[in-house]
């Protein structure tokens, strides 16, 4: 049994969009980016943390075990006898409140697993992987913040003939990629924006290390799936699409499996609320479906005209 433990905040079986075939996807906690459109805010912090669901609270006056169990005793906001918020500045993350809550009104985002424990979750659906050409996908958050754990898990999968896929923003030291290169069958990453200043405004960091790591992967023989989340006011311009295409053609030699253009979706709002966080794009109004759909298809055709295997969405099989 390994001494390494990984913090996972979600296990999603039977997924079909993040890698070939039917897959089990593990979402690792902790991220090196702060993307304004992030739909998994529970994956930002590397540590387990409580999430609050007021509709399940049975009443502060008749229960109140969360306050009694809290090491601070003051990390809560109450409205109309319902627990409505956890004060993140005062919460120490002991998680005693979630353990004590009798109604499930406080959920723990994140659980520690050994590689063997995570592998047991993955292995039980091996017959579906064998039939479909699927396997395990590890995502996040940022999976490479826990590269040692992922490497041990992938070793176990490889020994049992289970395919491996890693989804990463690649905003990590190249040494973390090197740990996974011999163990990973498929890589998925993003090129969010070619303009580093705009990238930093919207994700918290520039794109230099990300682009360099993509170059490194391809130089070592990997053929990644690259995704572009198409978001108005950020990167949804022909100039950015063409610049991305030129980078892939000229600096990667076109050596990718697929280039996926993904529409923006306003997801995860309930999870932001559970963590007492504001959604960074709360005032953003996405265009109507017919507008963004037409734009995705136009961008796809531009990229295909550059000789790249572009797709609108992630539903087409990876070849």
C-alpha atoms as a PDB file:
ATOM      1  CA  UNK A   1       0.000   0.000   0.000  1.00  0.00           C
ATOM      2  CA  UNK A   2       1.432   3.364  -1.049  1.00  0.00           C
ATOM      3  CA  UNK A   3       2.047   6.158   1.448  1.00  0.00           C
ATOM      4  CA  UNK A   4       1.046   8.709  -1.201  1.00  0.00           C
ATOM      5  CA  UNK A   5      -2.443  10.147  -0.973  1.00  0.00           C
ATOM      6  CA  UNK A   6      -4.343  12.254  -3.466  1.00  0.00           C
ATOM      7  CA  UNK A   7      -7.232  14.609  -2.762  1.00  0.00           C
ATOM      8  CA  UNK A   8     -10.123  13.907  -5.150  1.00  0.00           C
ATOM      9  CA  UNK A   9     -13.293  15.994  -5.180  1.00  0.00           C
ATOM     10  CA  UNK A  10     -15.362  14.039  -7.688  1.00  0.00           C
ATOM     11  CA  UNK A  11     -15.462  10.579  -9.248  1.00  0.00           C
ATOM     12  CA  UNK A  12     -17.499  10.471 -12.454  1.00  0.00           C
ATOM     13  CA  UNK A  13     -18.082   7.058 -14.053  1.00  0.00           C
ATOM     14  CA  UNK A  14     -19.291   6.468 -17.606  1.00  0.00           C
ATOM     15  CA  UNK A  15     -18.054   9.751 -19.041  1.00  0.00           C
ATOM     16  CA  UNK A  16     -17.513   9.872 -22.813  1.00  0.00           C
ATOM     17  CA  UNK A  17     -16.179  13.371 -23.543  1.00  0.00           C
ATOM     18  CA  UNK A  18     -12.739  13.443 -21.908  1.00  0.00           C
ATOM     19  CA  UNK A  19     -10.850  10.824 -23.867  1.00  0.00           C
ATOM     20  CA  UNK A  20     -11.820   7.912 -26.134  1.00  0.00           C
ATOM     21  CA  UNK A  21     -14.444   5.335 -25.207  1.00  0.00           C
ATOM     22  CA  UNK A  22     -16.232   4.967 -21.881  1.00  0.00           C
ATOM     23  CA  UNK A  23     -14.164   6.314 -18.996  1.00  0.00           C
ATOM     24  CA  UNK A  24     -14.074   6.894 -15.266  1.00  0.00           C
ATOM     25  CA  UNK A  25     -12.940  10.434 -14.543  1.00  0.00           C
ATOM     26  CA  UNK A  26     -11.262  11.510 -11.314  1.00  0.00           C
ATOM     27  CA  UNK A  27     -11.131  15.211 -10.456  1.00  0.00           C
ATOM     28  CA  UNK A  28      -8.153  16.270  -8.338  1.00  0.00           C
ATOM     29  CA  UNK A  29      -8.285  19.238  -5.946  1.00  0.00           C
ATOM     30  CA  UNK A  30      -6.043  22.245  -6.316  1.00  0.00           C
ATOM     31  CA  UNK A  31      -5.450  24.474  -9.322  1.00  0.00           C
ATOM     32  CA  UNK A  32      -2.705  26.830 -10.502  1.00  0.00           C
ATOM     33  CA  UNK A  33      -5.144  29.009 -12.459  1.00  0.00           C
ATOM     34  CA  UNK A  34      -8.106  31.184 -11.513  1.00  0.00           C
ATOM     35  CA  UNK A  35     -10.139  31.139 -14.715  1.00  0.00           C
ATOM     36  CA  UNK A  36     -13.074  33.550 -14.548  1.00  0.00           C
ATOM     37  CA  UNK A  37     -15.422  30.988 -16.142  1.00  0.00           C
ATOM     38  CA  UNK A  38     -14.396  28.026 -13.984  1.00  0.00           C
ATOM     39  CA  UNK A  39     -17.309  25.647 -13.385  1.00  0.00           C
ATOM     40  CA  UNK A  40     -15.518  23.641 -10.672  1.00  0.00           C
ATOM     41  CA  UNK A  41     -14.751  26.128  -7.869  1.00  0.00           C
ATOM     42  CA  UNK A  42     -14.566  23.214  -5.444  1.00  0.00           C
ATOM     43  CA  UNK A  43     -11.389  22.200  -7.273  1.00  0.00           C
ATOM     44  CA  UNK A  44      -9.487  25.464  -6.738  1.00  0.00           C
ATOM     45  CA  UNK A  45      -8.221  24.879  -3.197  1.00  0.00           C
ATOM     46  CA  UNK A  46      -5.855  21.913  -2.720  1.00  0.00           C
ATOM     47  CA  UNK A  47      -7.417  21.042   0.641  1.00  0.00           C
ATOM     48  CA  UNK A  48     -10.752  19.421   1.537  1.00  0.00           C
ATOM     49  CA  UNK A  49     -13.288  22.091   2.429  1.00  0.00           C
ATOM     50  CA  UNK A  50     -16.928  22.331   3.503  1.00  0.00           C
ATOM     51  CA  UNK A  51     -19.680  23.248   1.084  1.00  0.00           C
ATOM     52  CA  UNK A  52     -23.022  24.426   2.430  1.00  0.00           C
ATOM     53  CA  UNK A  53     -26.498  23.578   1.099  1.00  0.00           C
ATOM     54  CA  UNK A  54     -29.047  25.638   3.095  1.00  0.00           C
ATOM     55  CA  UNK A  55     -32.085  23.832   1.667  1.00  0.00           C
ATOM     56  CA  UNK A  56     -31.012  20.746   3.605  1.00  0.00           C
ATOM     57  CA  UNK A  57     -30.552  22.591   6.920  1.00  0.00           C
ATOM     58  CA  UNK A  58     -33.209  21.390   9.399  1.00  0.00           C
ATOM     59  CA  UNK A  59     -33.050  24.594  11.470  1.00  0.00           C
ATOM     60  CA  UNK A  60     -30.353  26.250  13.522  1.00  0.00           C
ATOM     61  CA  UNK A  61     -32.419  26.564  16.679  1.00  0.00           C
ATOM     62  CA  UNK A  62     -33.523  22.913  16.753  1.00  0.00           C
ATOM     63  CA  UNK A  63     -30.132  21.544  15.702  1.00  0.00           C
ATOM     64  CA  UNK A  64     -27.087  23.809  15.740  1.00  0.00           C
ATOM     65  CA  UNK A  65     -24.599  20.930  15.895  1.00  0.00           C
ATOM     66  CA  UNK A  66     -22.470  22.661  13.243  1.00  0.00           C
ATOM     67  CA  UNK A  67     -21.791  25.578  15.577  1.00  0.00           C
ATOM     68  CA  UNK A  68     -21.226  23.298  18.550  1.00  0.00           C
ATOM     69  CA  UNK A  69     -18.710  21.195  16.644  1.00  0.00           C
ATOM     70  CA  UNK A  70     -16.833  24.139  15.078  1.00  0.00           C
ATOM     71  CA  UNK A  71     -13.435  24.797  16.646  1.00  0.00           C
ATOM     72  CA  UNK A  72     -14.099  28.542  16.237  1.00  0.00           C
ATOM     73  CA  UNK A  73     -17.802  28.395  16.983  1.00  0.00           C
ATOM     74  CA  UNK A  74     -18.372  31.535  14.912  1.00  0.00           C
ATOM     75  CA  UNK A  75     -17.734  30.514  11.312  1.00  0.00           C
ATOM     76  CA  UNK A  76     -21.390  30.683  10.271  1.00  0.00           C
ATOM     77  CA  UNK A  77     -24.094  33.051   9.047  1.00  0.00           C
ATOM     78  CA  UNK A  78     -27.716  32.301   9.869  1.00  0.00           C
ATOM     79  CA  UNK A  79     -30.840  33.718   8.211  1.00  0.00           C
ATOM     80  CA  UNK A  80     -34.413  32.813   9.173  1.00  0.00           C
ATOM     81  CA  UNK A  81     -33.057  29.973  11.323  1.00  0.00           C
ATOM     82  CA  UNK A  82     -31.181  28.440   8.385  1.00  0.00           C
ATOM     83  CA  UNK A  83     -27.425  28.149   8.057  1.00  0.00           C
ATOM     84  CA  UNK A  84     -26.771  30.164   4.904  1.00  0.00           C
ATOM     85  CA  UNK A  85     -23.000  30.686   4.704  1.00  0.00           C
ATOM     86  CA  UNK A  86     -19.686  29.501   6.075  1.00  0.00           C
ATOM     87  CA  UNK A  87     -17.206  32.301   6.725  1.00  0.00           C
ATOM     88  CA  UNK A  88     -14.161  31.223   4.730  1.00  0.00           C
ATOM     89  CA  UNK A  89     -11.919  33.651   6.612  1.00  0.00           C
ATOM     90  CA  UNK A  90     -12.778  32.049   9.951  1.00  0.00           C
ATOM     91  CA  UNK A  91     -13.143  28.423   8.868  1.00  0.00           C
ATOM     92  CA  UNK A  92     -10.055  26.363   9.717  1.00  0.00           C
ATOM     93  CA  UNK A  93     -11.088  23.433   7.541  1.00  0.00           C
ATOM     94  CA  UNK A  94     -11.394  20.925  10.377  1.00  0.00           C
ATOM     95  CA  UNK A  95     -14.594  19.585   8.713  1.00  0.00           C
ATOM     96  CA  UNK A  96     -16.124  18.665  12.077  1.00  0.00           C
ATOM     97  CA  UNK A  97     -19.298  20.497  11.072  1.00  0.00           C
ATOM     98  CA  UNK A  98     -19.823  18.261   8.035  1.00  0.00           C
ATOM     99  CA  UNK A  99     -19.223  15.128  10.086  1.00  0.00           C
ATOM    100  CA  UNK A 100     -21.734  16.298  12.704  1.00  0.00           C
ATOM    101  CA  UNK A 101     -24.466  17.564  10.348  1.00  0.00           C
ATOM    102  CA  UNK A 102     -27.368  15.060  10.459  1.00  0.00           C
ATOM    103  CA  UNK A 103     -29.112  16.275   7.281  1.00  0.00           C
ATOM    104  CA  UNK A 104     -26.311  16.477   4.736  1.00  0.00           C
ATOM    105  CA  UNK A 105     -26.563  20.257   4.681  1.00  0.00           C
ATOM    106  CA  UNK A 106     -22.758  20.496   4.844  1.00  0.00           C
ATOM    107  CA  UNK A 107     -20.828  18.531   2.247  1.00  0.00           C
ATOM    108  CA  UNK A 108     -17.097  17.919   2.207  1.00  0.00           C
ATOM    109  CA  UNK A 109     -15.479  18.811  -1.091  1.00  0.00           C
ATOM    110  CA  UNK A 110     -12.433  16.567  -1.319  1.00  0.00           C
ATOM    111  CA  UNK A 111     -11.440  13.192   0.060  1.00  0.00           C
ATOM    112  CA  UNK A 112      -8.013  11.590   0.455  1.00  0.00           C
ATOM    113  CA  UNK A 113      -7.361   8.358  -1.438  1.00  0.00           C
ATOM    114  CA  UNK A 114      -4.342   6.137  -1.783  1.00  0.00           C
ATOM    115  CA  UNK A 115      -3.549   5.148  -5.381  1.00  0.00           C
ATOM    116  CA  UNK A 116      -4.809   1.646  -4.562  1.00  0.00           C
ATOM    117  CA  UNK A 117      -8.138   2.992  -3.283  1.00  0.00           C
ATOM    118  CA  UNK A 118      -8.601   5.154  -6.369  1.00  0.00           C
ATOM    119  CA  UNK A 119      -7.645   2.241  -8.609  1.00  0.00           C
ATOM    120  CA  UNK A 120     -10.340   0.098  -6.983  1.00  0.00           C
ATOM    121  CA  UNK A 121     -12.928   2.677  -8.090  1.00  0.00           C
ATOM    122  CA  UNK A 122     -11.558   2.638 -11.622  1.00  0.00           C
ATOM    123  CA  UNK A 123     -11.078  -1.109 -12.027  1.00  0.00           C
ATOM    124  CA  UNK A 124     -14.679  -2.101 -11.333  1.00  0.00           C
ATOM    125  CA  UNK A 125     -15.756  -0.836 -14.774  1.00  0.00           C
ATOM    126  CA  UNK A 126     -12.883  -2.399 -16.719  1.00  0.00           C
ATOM    127  CA  UNK A 127     -15.194  -4.449 -18.920  1.00  0.00           C
ATOM    128  CA  UNK A 128     -16.698  -1.241 -20.307  1.00  0.00           C
ATOM    129  CA  UNK A 129     -13.243   0.151 -21.058  1.00  0.00           C
ATOM    130  CA  UNK A 130     -12.267  -3.054 -22.825  1.00  0.00           C
ATOM    131  CA  UNK A 131     -15.398  -2.990 -24.981  1.00  0.00           C
ATOM    132  CA  UNK A 132     -15.176   0.708 -25.905  1.00  0.00           C
ATOM    133  CA  UNK A 133     -11.462   1.468 -25.933  1.00  0.00           C
ATOM    134  CA  UNK A 134     -11.861   3.621 -22.835  1.00  0.00           C
ATOM    135  CA  UNK A 135     -10.105   3.838 -19.498  1.00  0.00           C
ATOM    136  CA  UNK A 136      -9.405   6.359 -16.753  1.00  0.00           C
ATOM    137  CA  UNK A 137      -9.117  10.132 -17.128  1.00  0.00           C
ATOM    138  CA  UNK A 138      -7.615  12.243 -14.361  1.00  0.00           C
ATOM    139  CA  UNK A 139      -8.584  15.909 -14.417  1.00  0.00           C
ATOM    140  CA  UNK A 140      -9.075  18.716 -11.914  1.00  0.00           C
ATOM    141  CA  UNK A 141      -8.505  21.319 -10.683  1.00  0.00           C
ATOM    142  CA  UNK A 142      -4.988  20.675 -11.853  1.00  0.00           C
ATOM    143  CA  UNK A 143      -4.093  16.993 -11.835  1.00  0.00           C
ATOM    144  CA  UNK A 144      -0.358  17.686 -12.110  1.00  0.00           C
ATOM    145  CA  UNK A 145      -0.342  19.421  -8.724  1.00  0.00           C
ATOM    146  CA  UNK A 146      -0.574  15.826  -7.467  1.00  0.00           C
ATOM    147  CA  UNK A 147       1.647  14.250 -10.115  1.00  0.00           C
ATOM    148  CA  UNK A 148       3.182  11.604  -7.828  1.00  0.00           C
ATOM    149  CA  UNK A 149      -0.247  10.278  -6.899  1.00  0.00           C
ATOM    150  CA  UNK A 150      -1.429  10.257 -10.514  1.00  0.00           C
ATOM    151  CA  UNK A 151       1.751   8.461 -11.605  1.00  0.00           C
ATOM    152  CA  UNK A 152       1.181   5.682  -9.050  1.00  0.00           C
ATOM    153  CA  UNK A 153      -2.452   5.345 -10.123  1.00  0.00           C
ATOM    154  CA  UNK A 154      -1.487   5.170 -13.791  1.00  0.00           C
ATOM    155  CA  UNK A 155       1.120   2.478 -13.038  1.00  0.00           C
ATOM    156  CA  UNK A 156      -1.609   0.358 -11.489  1.00  0.00           C
ATOM    157  CA  UNK A 157      -3.870   0.980 -14.488  1.00  0.00           C
ATOM    158  CA  UNK A 158      -1.158   0.116 -16.990  1.00  0.00           C
ATOM    159  CA  UNK A 159      -0.474  -3.163 -15.167  1.00  0.00           C
ATOM    160  CA  UNK A 160      -4.134  -4.130 -15.644  1.00  0.00           C
ATOM    161  CA  UNK A 161      -4.376  -2.956 -19.261  1.00  0.00           C
ATOM    162  CA  UNK A 162      -6.511   0.089 -18.481  1.00  0.00           C
ATOM    163  CA  UNK A 163      -5.953   3.087 -20.763  1.00  0.00           C
ATOM    164  CA  UNK A 164      -4.868   6.385 -19.214  1.00  0.00           C
ATOM    165  CA  UNK A 165      -5.693   9.981 -20.077  1.00  0.00           C
ATOM    166  CA  UNK A 166      -4.525  13.148 -18.326  1.00  0.00           C
ATOM    167  CA  UNK A 167      -6.374  16.463 -18.637  1.00  0.00           C
ATOM    168  CA  UNK A 168      -4.200  19.373 -17.502  1.00  0.00           C
ATOM    169  CA  UNK A 169      -3.813  23.105 -18.036  1.00  0.00           C
ATOM    170  CA  UNK A 170      -0.028  22.374 -18.024  1.00  0.00           C
ATOM    171  CA  UNK A 171       0.724  25.431 -15.881  1.00  0.00           C
ATOM    172  CA  UNK A 172       3.241  23.441 -13.827  1.00  0.00           C
ATOM    173  CA  UNK A 173       7.006  22.803 -13.864  1.00  0.00           C
ATOM    174  CA  UNK A 174       8.045  20.550 -16.746  1.00  0.00           C
ATOM    175  CA  UNK A 175       9.396  18.051 -14.206  1.00  0.00           C
ATOM    176  CA  UNK A 176       5.803  17.183 -13.299  1.00  0.00           C
ATOM    177  CA  UNK A 177       5.008  16.346 -16.921  1.00  0.00           C
ATOM    178  CA  UNK A 178       8.067  14.117 -17.114  1.00  0.00           C
ATOM    179  CA  UNK A 179       6.677  11.934 -14.319  1.00  0.00           C
ATOM    180  CA  UNK A 180       3.583  11.153 -16.387  1.00  0.00           C
ATOM    181  CA  UNK A 181       4.934  10.985 -19.930  1.00  0.00           C
ATOM    182  CA  UNK A 182       5.767   7.244 -19.889  1.00  0.00           C
ATOM    183  CA  UNK A 183       2.426   6.389 -18.262  1.00  0.00           C
ATOM    184  CA  UNK A 184      -0.108   8.474 -20.198  1.00  0.00           C
ATOM    185  CA  UNK A 185      -1.833   7.318 -23.388  1.00  0.00           C
ATOM    186  CA  UNK A 186      -3.757  10.544 -24.086  1.00  0.00           C
ATOM    187  CA  UNK A 187      -3.226  14.168 -23.106  1.00  0.00           C
ATOM    188  CA  UNK A 188      -5.893  16.881 -23.104  1.00  0.00           C
ATOM    189  CA  UNK A 189      -5.025  20.535 -22.585  1.00  0.00           C
ATOM    190  CA  UNK A 190      -6.215  24.055 -23.430  1.00  0.00           C
ATOM    191  CA  UNK A 191      -4.847  26.949 -25.378  1.00  0.00           C
ATOM    192  CA  UNK A 192      -7.143  29.531 -23.868  1.00  0.00           C
ATOM    193  CA  UNK A 193      -5.703  32.628 -25.520  1.00  0.00           C
ATOM    194  CA  UNK A 194      -2.543  33.405 -27.474  1.00  0.00           C
ATOM    195  CA  UNK A 195      -2.233  36.924 -26.036  1.00  0.00           C
ATOM    196  CA  UNK A 196      -0.408  36.422 -22.723  1.00  0.00           C
ATOM    197  CA  UNK A 197      -1.606  39.715 -21.187  1.00  0.00           C
ATOM    198  CA  UNK A 198      -5.253  38.883 -21.889  1.00  0.00           C
ATOM    199  CA  UNK A 199      -4.625  35.338 -20.647  1.00  0.00           C
ATOM    200  CA  UNK A 200      -3.297  36.731 -17.363  1.00  0.00           C
ATOM    201  CA  UNK A 201      -6.246  39.089 -16.912  1.00  0.00           C
ATOM    202  CA  UNK A 202      -8.677  36.189 -17.168  1.00  0.00           C
ATOM    203  CA  UNK A 203      -6.801  33.272 -15.582  1.00  0.00           C
ATOM    204  CA  UNK A 204      -4.380  34.909 -13.149  1.00  0.00           C
ATOM    205  CA  UNK A 205      -1.238  33.995 -15.080  1.00  0.00           C
ATOM    206  CA  UNK A 206       0.374  34.401 -18.479  1.00  0.00           C
ATOM    207  CA  UNK A 207       0.501  31.584 -21.025  1.00  0.00           C
ATOM    208  CA  UNK A 208       4.269  31.264 -21.560  1.00  0.00           C
ATOM    209  CA  UNK A 209       4.818  28.173 -19.427  1.00  0.00           C
ATOM    210  CA  UNK A 210       1.681  26.525 -20.787  1.00  0.00           C
ATOM    211  CA  UNK A 211       2.762  26.958 -24.413  1.00  0.00           C
ATOM    212  CA  UNK A 212       6.285  25.804 -23.604  1.00  0.00           C
ATOM    213  CA  UNK A 213       4.928  22.669 -21.941  1.00  0.00           C
ATOM    214  CA  UNK A 214       2.755  21.913 -24.966  1.00  0.00           C
ATOM    215  CA  UNK A 215       5.855  22.219 -27.141  1.00  0.00           C
ATOM    216  CA  UNK A 216       7.659  19.864 -24.751  1.00  0.00           C
ATOM    217  CA  UNK A 217       4.898  17.240 -24.876  1.00  0.00           C
ATOM    218  CA  UNK A 218       4.873  17.210 -28.663  1.00  0.00           C
ATOM    219  CA  UNK A 219       8.683  17.103 -28.828  1.00  0.00           C
ATOM    220  CA  UNK A 220       8.542  13.940 -26.714  1.00  0.00           C
ATOM    221  CA  UNK A 221       6.093  12.231 -29.048  1.00  0.00           C
ATOM    222  CA  UNK A 222       2.768  13.029 -27.405  1.00  0.00           C
ATOM    223  CA  UNK A 223      -0.129  14.070 -29.667  1.00  0.00           C
ATOM    224  CA  UNK A 224      -2.482  16.010 -27.376  1.00  0.00           C
ATOM    225  CA  UNK A 225      -6.097  16.951 -27.785  1.00  0.00           C
ATOM    226  CA  UNK A 226      -6.177  20.740 -27.563  1.00  0.00           C
ATOM    227  CA  UNK A 227      -9.267  22.657 -26.510  1.00  0.00           C
ATOM    228  CA  UNK A 228     -10.202  26.300 -26.903  1.00  0.00           C
ATOM    229  CA  UNK A 229     -13.056  27.510 -24.661  1.00  0.00           C
ATOM    230  CA  UNK A 230     -14.746  30.130 -26.844  1.00  0.00           C
ATOM    231  CA  UNK A 231     -15.734  33.054 -24.627  1.00  0.00           C
ATOM    232  CA  UNK A 232     -16.945  36.467 -25.774  1.00  0.00           C
ATOM    233  CA  UNK A 233     -14.855  39.419 -24.516  1.00  0.00           C
ATOM    234  CA  UNK A 234     -11.920  37.030 -23.966  1.00  0.00           C
ATOM    235  CA  UNK A 235     -10.805  35.007 -26.968  1.00  0.00           C
ATOM    236  CA  UNK A 236     -13.727  34.724 -29.413  1.00  0.00           C
ATOM    237  CA  UNK A 237     -12.003  36.558 -32.259  1.00  0.00           C
ATOM    238  CA  UNK A 238     -10.792  35.428 -35.646  1.00  0.00           C
ATOM    239  CA  UNK A 239      -7.406  36.949 -34.815  1.00  0.00           C
ATOM    240  CA  UNK A 240      -6.981  34.696 -31.774  1.00  0.00           C
ATOM    241  CA  UNK A 241      -8.240  31.612 -33.616  1.00  0.00           C
ATOM    242  CA  UNK A 242      -5.810  32.140 -36.478  1.00  0.00           C
ATOM    243  CA  UNK A 243      -2.941  32.810 -34.046  1.00  0.00           C
ATOM    244  CA  UNK A 244      -3.745  29.553 -32.242  1.00  0.00           C
ATOM    245  CA  UNK A 245      -3.854  27.688 -35.520  1.00  0.00           C
ATOM    246  CA  UNK A 246      -0.500  29.136 -36.576  1.00  0.00           C
ATOM    247  CA  UNK A 247       1.056  28.082 -33.259  1.00  0.00           C
ATOM    248  CA  UNK A 248      -0.184  24.516 -33.734  1.00  0.00           C
ATOM    249  CA  UNK A 249       0.960  24.363 -37.366  1.00  0.00           C
ATOM    250  CA  UNK A 250       4.306  26.081 -37.052  1.00  0.00           C
ATOM    251  CA  UNK A 251       5.485  25.220 -33.544  1.00  0.00           C
ATOM    252  CA  UNK A 252       3.839  21.829 -33.040  1.00  0.00           C
ATOM    253  CA  UNK A 253       4.042  20.700 -36.647  1.00  0.00           C
ATOM    254  CA  UNK A 254       0.308  20.038 -36.522  1.00  0.00           C
ATOM    255  CA  UNK A 255       0.988  17.039 -34.284  1.00  0.00           C
ATOM    256  CA  UNK A 256      -2.261  16.959 -32.343  1.00  0.00           C
ATOM    257  CA  UNK A 257      -5.081  14.427 -32.254  1.00  0.00           C
ATOM    258  CA  UNK A 258      -7.900  16.947 -32.293  1.00  0.00           C
ATOM    259  CA  UNK A 259      -8.619  20.639 -31.796  1.00  0.00           C
ATOM    260  CA  UNK A 260     -11.906  21.141 -29.964  1.00  0.00           C
ATOM    261  CA  UNK A 261     -13.802  24.439 -29.841  1.00  0.00           C
ATOM    262  CA  UNK A 262     -15.962  24.469 -26.730  1.00  0.00           C
ATOM    263  CA  UNK A 263     -18.877  26.827 -26.068  1.00  0.00           C
ATOM    264  CA  UNK A 264     -19.056  28.797 -22.824  1.00  0.00           C
ATOM    265  CA  UNK A 265     -21.611  27.447 -20.378  1.00  0.00           C
ATOM    266  CA  UNK A 266     -22.569  29.153 -17.148  1.00  0.00           C
ATOM    267  CA  UNK A 267     -22.159  26.159 -14.859  1.00  0.00           C
ATOM    268  CA  UNK A 268     -21.315  25.544 -11.217  1.00  0.00           C
ATOM    269  CA  UNK A 269     -23.247  28.456  -9.696  1.00  0.00           C
ATOM    270  CA  UNK A 270     -24.683  26.285  -6.915  1.00  0.00           C
ATOM    271  CA  UNK A 271     -21.160  25.159  -6.019  1.00  0.00           C
ATOM    272  CA  UNK A 272     -19.923  28.751  -5.834  1.00  0.00           C
ATOM    273  CA  UNK A 273     -22.794  29.489  -3.463  1.00  0.00           C
ATOM    274  CA  UNK A 274     -22.014  26.426  -1.345  1.00  0.00           C
ATOM    275  CA  UNK A 275     -18.465  27.737  -0.880  1.00  0.00           C
ATOM    276  CA  UNK A 276     -19.598  31.306  -0.194  1.00  0.00           C
ATOM    277  CA  UNK A 277     -17.801  32.504  -3.336  1.00  0.00           C
ATOM    278  CA  UNK A 278     -18.963  34.942  -5.989  1.00  0.00           C
ATOM    279  CA  UNK A 279     -19.055  33.727  -9.578  1.00  0.00           C
ATOM    280  CA  UNK A 280     -16.449  35.910 -11.370  1.00  0.00           C
ATOM    281  CA  UNK A 281     -18.565  36.206 -14.523  1.00  0.00           C
ATOM    282  CA  UNK A 282     -21.857  36.823 -12.757  1.00  0.00           C
ATOM    283  CA  UNK A 283     -22.716  39.825 -14.931  1.00  0.00           C
ATOM    284  CA  UNK A 284     -21.649  38.185 -18.183  1.00  0.00           C
ATOM    285  CA  UNK A 285     -24.461  37.544 -20.659  1.00  0.00           C
ATOM    286  CA  UNK A 286     -23.667  34.802 -23.096  1.00  0.00           C
ATOM    287  CA  UNK A 287     -24.962  35.125 -26.656  1.00  0.00           C
ATOM    288  CA  UNK A 288     -27.923  33.081 -27.818  1.00  0.00           C
ATOM    289  CA  UNK A 289     -27.262  29.534 -28.989  1.00  0.00           C
ATOM    290  CA  UNK A 290     -27.671  30.297 -32.675  1.00  0.00           C
ATOM    291  CA  UNK A 291     -25.054  33.052 -32.357  1.00  0.00           C
ATOM    292  CA  UNK A 292     -22.322  31.073 -30.562  1.00  0.00           C
ATOM    293  CA  UNK A 293     -23.066  27.944 -32.567  1.00  0.00           C
ATOM    294  CA  UNK A 294     -22.549  29.819 -35.839  1.00  0.00           C
ATOM    295  CA  UNK A 295     -19.311  31.297 -34.497  1.00  0.00           C
ATOM    296  CA  UNK A 296     -17.963  27.892 -33.429  1.00  0.00           C
ATOM    297  CA  UNK A 297     -18.660  26.475 -36.872  1.00  0.00           C
ATOM    298  CA  UNK A 298     -17.010  29.455 -38.574  1.00  0.00           C
ATOM    299  CA  UNK A 299     -13.923  29.129 -36.373  1.00  0.00           C
ATOM    300  CA  UNK A 300     -13.865  25.376 -37.021  1.00  0.00           C
ATOM    301  CA  UNK A 301     -13.886  25.975 -40.765  1.00  0.00           C
ATOM    302  CA  UNK A 302     -11.044  28.505 -40.492  1.00  0.00           C
ATOM    303  CA  UNK A 303      -8.923  25.981 -38.607  1.00  0.00           C
ATOM    304  CA  UNK A 304      -9.806  23.159 -40.971  1.00  0.00           C
ATOM    305  CA  UNK A 305      -8.788  25.447 -43.817  1.00  0.00           C
ATOM    306  CA  UNK A 306      -5.379  25.633 -42.123  1.00  0.00           C
ATOM    307  CA  UNK A 307      -5.185  21.837 -42.285  1.00  0.00           C
ATOM    308  CA  UNK A 308      -5.993  21.204 -38.607  1.00  0.00           C
ATOM    309  CA  UNK A 309      -8.376  18.527 -37.234  1.00  0.00           C
ATOM    310  CA  UNK A 310     -10.812  21.003 -35.689  1.00  0.00           C
ATOM    311  CA  UNK A 311     -14.216  20.110 -34.241  1.00  0.00           C
ATOM    312  CA  UNK A 312     -17.029  22.173 -32.769  1.00  0.00           C
ATOM    313  CA  UNK A 313     -17.528  20.560 -29.361  1.00  0.00           C
ATOM    314  CA  UNK A 314     -16.048  17.458 -27.753  1.00  0.00           C
ATOM    315  CA  UNK A 315     -18.559  14.866 -28.925  1.00  0.00           C
ATOM    316  CA  UNK A 316     -16.751  13.637 -32.027  1.00  0.00           C
ATOM    317  CA  UNK A 317     -14.620  10.549 -31.631  1.00  0.00           C
ATOM    318  CA  UNK A 318     -10.893  11.064 -31.196  1.00  0.00           C
ATOM    319  CA  UNK A 319      -9.120   9.367 -34.106  1.00  0.00           C
END
